[in-house]
C-alpha atoms as a PDB file:
ATOM      1  CA  MET A   1     -26.220 -18.357  -3.141  1.00  0.00           C
ATOM      2  CA  GLU A   2     -24.642 -16.297  -5.927  1.00  0.00           C
ATOM      3  CA  LYS A   3     -21.347 -14.602  -5.296  1.00  0.00           C
ATOM      4  CA  THR A   4     -21.463 -10.867  -5.879  1.00  0.00           C
ATOM      5  CA  GLU A   5     -19.064  -9.546  -8.471  1.00  0.00           C
ATOM      6  CA  SER A   6     -16.072  -7.895  -6.870  1.00  0.00           C
ATOM      7  CA  ILE A   7     -15.065  -4.371  -7.730  1.00  0.00           C
ATOM      8  CA  THR A   8     -11.439  -3.516  -8.408  1.00  0.00           C
ATOM      9  CA  ILE A   9     -10.282  -0.028  -7.467  1.00  0.00           C
ATOM     10  CA  THR A  10      -7.109   1.563  -8.834  1.00  0.00           C
ATOM     11  CA  VAL A  11      -5.127   4.472  -7.423  1.00  0.00           C
ATOM     12  CA  GLU A  12      -2.017   5.967  -9.003  1.00  0.00           C
ATOM     13  CA  ILE A  13       0.705   8.471  -8.322  1.00  0.00           C
ATOM     14  CA  GLU A  14       3.950   9.651  -9.875  1.00  0.00           C
ATOM     15  CA  VAL A  15       6.908  10.102  -7.529  1.00  0.00           C
ATOM     16  CA  GLU A  16       9.754  12.353  -8.620  1.00  0.00           C
ATOM     17  CA  LEU A  17      12.418   9.799  -7.686  1.00  0.00           C
ATOM     18  CA  PRO A  18      14.196   6.996  -9.536  1.00  0.00           C
ATOM     19  CA  LEU A  19      12.589   3.558  -9.403  1.00  0.00           C
ATOM     20  CA  GLU A  20      15.365   2.014  -7.279  1.00  0.00           C
ATOM     21  CA  LYS A  21      14.845   4.554  -4.490  1.00  0.00           C
ATOM     22  CA  VAL A  22      11.034   4.298  -4.657  1.00  0.00           C
ATOM     23  CA  TRP A  23      11.246   0.496  -4.326  1.00  0.00           C
ATOM     24  CA  LYS A  24      13.494   0.794  -1.265  1.00  0.00           C
ATOM     25  CA  VAL A  25      11.181   3.292   0.467  1.00  0.00           C
ATOM     26  CA  TRP A  26       8.052   1.269  -0.451  1.00  0.00           C
ATOM     27  CA  THR A  27       9.406  -2.028   0.895  1.00  0.00           C
ATOM     28  CA  GLY A  28      11.670  -1.044   3.821  1.00  0.00           C
ATOM     29  CA  PRO A  29       9.961  -1.370   7.241  1.00  0.00           C
ATOM     30  CA  GLU A  30      12.036   1.561   8.532  1.00  0.00           C
ATOM     31  CA  HIS A  31      10.369   3.688   5.843  1.00  0.00           C
ATOM     32  CA  ILE A  32       6.873   2.127   5.893  1.00  0.00           C
ATOM     33  CA  THR A  33       6.282   3.404   9.443  1.00  0.00           C
ATOM     34  CA  ASN A  34       6.791   6.953   8.138  1.00  0.00           C
ATOM     35  CA  TRP A  35       4.214   6.936   5.323  1.00  0.00           C
ATOM     36  CA  ASN A  36       1.678   4.097   5.698  1.00  0.00           C
ATOM     37  CA  PHE A  37      -1.347   6.032   6.984  1.00  0.00           C
ATOM     38  CA  ALA A  38      -3.990   8.155   5.302  1.00  0.00           C
ATOM     39  CA  SER A  39      -4.029  11.277   7.493  1.00  0.00           C
ATOM     40  CA  ASP A  40      -1.910  13.156  10.018  1.00  0.00           C
ATOM     41  CA  ASP A  41      -4.052  11.948  12.933  1.00  0.00           C
ATOM     42  CA  TRP A  42      -3.021   8.333  12.205  1.00  0.00           C
ATOM     43  CA  CYS A  43       0.332   6.564  12.422  1.00  0.00           C
ATOM     44  CA  CYS A  44       2.009   3.257  11.608  1.00  0.00           C
ATOM     45  CA  PRO A  45       3.971   2.431  14.778  1.00  0.00           C
ATOM     46  CA  ASN A  46       5.166  -1.008  13.604  1.00  0.00           C
ATOM     47  CA  ALA A  47       5.897  -2.634  10.259  1.00  0.00           C
ATOM     48  CA  ALA A  48       7.248  -6.089   9.441  1.00  0.00           C
ATOM     49  CA  ASN A  49       7.902  -7.019   5.825  1.00  0.00           C
ATOM     50  CA  ASP A  50       9.336 -10.319   4.563  1.00  0.00           C
ATOM     51  CA  LEU A  51       9.402  -9.523   0.847  1.00  0.00           C
ATOM     52  CA  GLN A  52       9.396 -13.076  -0.528  1.00  0.00           C
ATOM     53  CA  ILE A  53       6.757 -15.133  -2.325  1.00  0.00           C
ATOM     54  CA  GLY A  54       4.666 -16.984   0.265  1.00  0.00           C
ATOM     55  CA  LYS A  55       5.885 -14.729   3.082  1.00  0.00           C
ATOM     56  CA  PHE A  56       3.994 -11.918   4.754  1.00  0.00           C
ATOM     57  CA  PHE A  57       3.850  -8.307   5.784  1.00  0.00           C
ATOM     58  CA  LEU A  58       2.167  -6.898   8.879  1.00  0.00           C
ATOM     59  CA  TYR A  59       1.639  -3.169   9.402  1.00  0.00           C
ATOM     60  CA  ARG A  60      -0.003  -1.739  12.513  1.00  0.00           C
ATOM     61  CA  MET A  61      -2.136   1.313  11.807  1.00  0.00           C
ATOM     62  CA  GLU A  62      -3.473   3.390  14.710  1.00  0.00           C
ATOM     63  CA  ALA A  63      -5.142   6.681  15.481  1.00  0.00           C
ATOM     64  CA  LYS A  64      -2.570   8.860  17.253  1.00  0.00           C
ATOM     65  CA  ASP A  65      -5.022   9.453  20.115  1.00  0.00           C
ATOM     66  CA  GLY A  66      -5.175   5.686  20.746  1.00  0.00           C
ATOM     67  CA  SER A  67      -8.923   5.502  20.087  1.00  0.00           C
ATOM     68  CA  THR A  68      -8.709   2.825  17.379  1.00  0.00           C
ATOM     69  CA  GLY A  69      -6.309   0.763  15.328  1.00  0.00           C
ATOM     70  CA  PHE A  70      -5.959  -2.342  13.209  1.00  0.00           C
ATOM     71  CA  ASP A  71      -3.404  -4.681  11.694  1.00  0.00           C
ATOM     72  CA  PHE A  72      -3.041  -4.621   7.912  1.00  0.00           C
ATOM     73  CA  ALA A  73      -1.510  -7.895   6.759  1.00  0.00           C
ATOM     74  CA  GLY A  74      -1.098 -10.049   3.691  1.00  0.00           C
ATOM     75  CA  THR A  75       0.895 -12.774   1.978  1.00  0.00           C
ATOM     76  CA  TYR A  76       2.983 -12.154  -1.126  1.00  0.00           C
ATOM     77  CA  GLU A  77       1.998 -14.040  -4.281  1.00  0.00           C
ATOM     78  CA  GLU A  78       4.287 -12.471  -6.882  1.00  0.00           C
ATOM     79  CA  ILE A  79       7.324 -10.198  -6.657  1.00  0.00           C
ATOM     80  CA  ILE A  80       9.336  -8.828  -9.552  1.00  0.00           C
ATOM     81  CA  PRO A  81      11.870  -6.474  -7.920  1.00  0.00           C
ATOM     82  CA  GLY A  82      11.430  -2.910  -9.097  1.00  0.00           C
ATOM     83  CA  LYS A  83       8.365  -3.781 -11.162  1.00  0.00           C
ATOM     84  CA  LEU A  84       5.541  -5.680  -9.458  1.00  0.00           C
ATOM     85  CA  ILE A  85       4.158  -6.826  -6.126  1.00  0.00           C
ATOM     86  CA  THR A  86       0.985  -8.855  -5.729  1.00  0.00           C
ATOM     87  CA  TYR A  87      -0.418 -10.058  -2.432  1.00  0.00           C
ATOM     88  CA  VAL A  88      -3.543 -11.424  -0.847  1.00  0.00           C
ATOM     89  CA  MET A  89      -4.898  -9.768   2.294  1.00  0.00           C
ATOM     90  CA  GLU A  90      -6.076 -11.793   5.289  1.00  0.00           C
ATOM     91  CA  ASP A  91      -9.695 -11.471   4.127  1.00  0.00           C
ATOM     92  CA  GLY A  92      -8.871 -12.948   0.695  1.00  0.00           C
ATOM     93  CA  ARG A  93      -8.873  -9.728  -1.303  1.00  0.00           C
ATOM     94  CA  ARG A  94      -6.045  -9.247  -3.773  1.00  0.00           C
ATOM     95  CA  VAL A  95      -3.755  -6.290  -4.432  1.00  0.00           C
ATOM     96  CA  ARG A  96      -1.520  -5.632  -7.451  1.00  0.00           C
ATOM     97  CA  ILE A  97       1.105  -2.859  -7.388  1.00  0.00           C
ATOM     98  CA  VAL A  98       2.968  -1.916 -10.562  1.00  0.00           C
ATOM     99  CA  PHE A  99       6.071   0.301 -10.527  1.00  0.00           C
ATOM    100  CA  LYS A 100       7.123   1.937 -13.798  1.00  0.00           C
ATOM    101  CA  ASP A 101      10.033   4.197 -14.694  1.00  0.00           C
ATOM    102  CA  VAL A 102       8.772   7.364 -16.402  1.00  0.00           C
ATOM    103  CA  ASP A 103      11.730   9.505 -17.519  1.00  0.00           C
ATOM    104  CA  GLY A 104      13.570   9.214 -14.195  1.00  0.00           C
ATOM    105  CA  ALA A 105      10.412   9.441 -12.070  1.00  0.00           C
ATOM    106  CA  THR A 106       8.351   6.453 -10.922  1.00  0.00           C
ATOM    107  CA  LYS A 107       4.675   5.797 -11.540  1.00  0.00           C
ATOM    108  CA  ILE A 108       2.969   3.582  -8.974  1.00  0.00           C
ATOM    109  CA  SER A 109      -0.343   1.969  -9.892  1.00  0.00           C
ATOM    110  CA  GLU A 110      -2.097   0.076  -7.096  1.00  0.00           C
ATOM    111  CA  SER A 111      -5.225  -1.992  -7.820  1.00  0.00           C
ATOM    112  CA  PHE A 112      -7.174  -3.740  -5.074  1.00  0.00           C
ATOM    113  CA  ASP A 113     -10.375  -5.688  -4.582  1.00  0.00           C
ATOM    114  CA  ALA A 114     -12.928  -3.524  -2.804  1.00  0.00           C
ATOM    115  CA  GLU A 115     -14.404  -4.638   0.520  1.00  0.00           C
ATOM    116  CA  ASP A 116     -18.119  -4.626   1.339  1.00  0.00           C
ATOM    117  CA  ILE A 117     -18.126  -2.404   4.447  1.00  0.00           C
ATOM    118  CA  ASN A 118     -17.145   1.016   3.085  1.00  0.00           C
ATOM    119  CA  SER A 119     -18.140   2.645  -0.202  1.00  0.00           C
ATOM    120  CA  ALA A 120     -15.827   2.244  -3.186  1.00  0.00           C
ATOM    121  CA  GLU A 121     -15.305   6.021  -3.186  1.00  0.00           C
ATOM    122  CA  LEU A 122     -14.270   6.054   0.488  1.00  0.00           C
ATOM    123  CA  GLN A 123     -11.853   3.163  -0.105  1.00  0.00           C
ATOM    124  CA  LYS A 124     -10.357   4.856  -3.165  1.00  0.00           C
ATOM    125  CA  THR A 125      -9.953   8.117  -1.232  1.00  0.00           C
ATOM    126  CA  GLY A 126      -8.226   6.337   1.673  1.00  0.00           C
ATOM    127  CA  TRP A 127      -5.807   4.337  -0.462  1.00  0.00           C
ATOM    128  CA  GLN A 128      -5.034   7.425  -2.579  1.00  0.00           C
ATOM    129  CA  ALA A 129      -4.299   9.402   0.602  1.00  0.00           C
ATOM    130  CA  ILE A 130      -1.760   6.748   1.619  1.00  0.00           C
ATOM    131  CA  LEU A 131      -0.134   7.000  -1.834  1.00  0.00           C
ATOM    132  CA  ASN A 132      -0.052  10.788  -1.492  1.00  0.00           C
ATOM    133  CA  ASN A 133       1.599  10.385   1.913  1.00  0.00           C
ATOM    134  CA  PHE A 134       4.133   7.982   0.394  1.00  0.00           C
ATOM    135  CA  LYS A 135       5.026  10.547  -2.286  1.00  0.00           C
ATOM    136  CA  LYS A 136       5.397  13.340   0.272  1.00  0.00           C
ATOM    137  CA  TYR A 137       7.631  11.217   2.525  1.00  0.00           C
ATOM    138  CA  ALA A 138       9.740   9.665  -0.262  1.00  0.00           C
ATOM    139  CA  GLU A 139      10.403  12.976  -1.985  1.00  0.00           C
ATOM    140  CA  SER A 140      11.455  14.543   1.337  1.00  0.00           C
ATOM    141  CA  LEU A 141      14.355  12.101   1.780  1.00  0.00           C
END
């Protein structure tokens, strides 16, 4: 059986904050629970993050009405503080996040292997919505 070629999707955003602050908000569990969901009818009630190579993160994502939820988890493969995070999700898909200083603001570029259940467009829209939520939360601090 031939393996189908995987699709990589990239989403990006520029946050009007210095890189050091963006990194702290991106990686701190106390912050992750405030931004890691795609829409206002969802939430992230719990987040654990052991930001070390070979260690893991586990974020709980749930509909606020309690109708559905799932754990989003992965294991870190590469970490360059303030610059790069790569991890592999539980299903084997990989994610690469690049942080770049742009004249005092921070550009975040997140590339991930698409899954086979939802369309690439739906996945891109969902991940972009989470990035948009991150920007909104981070810039409000």
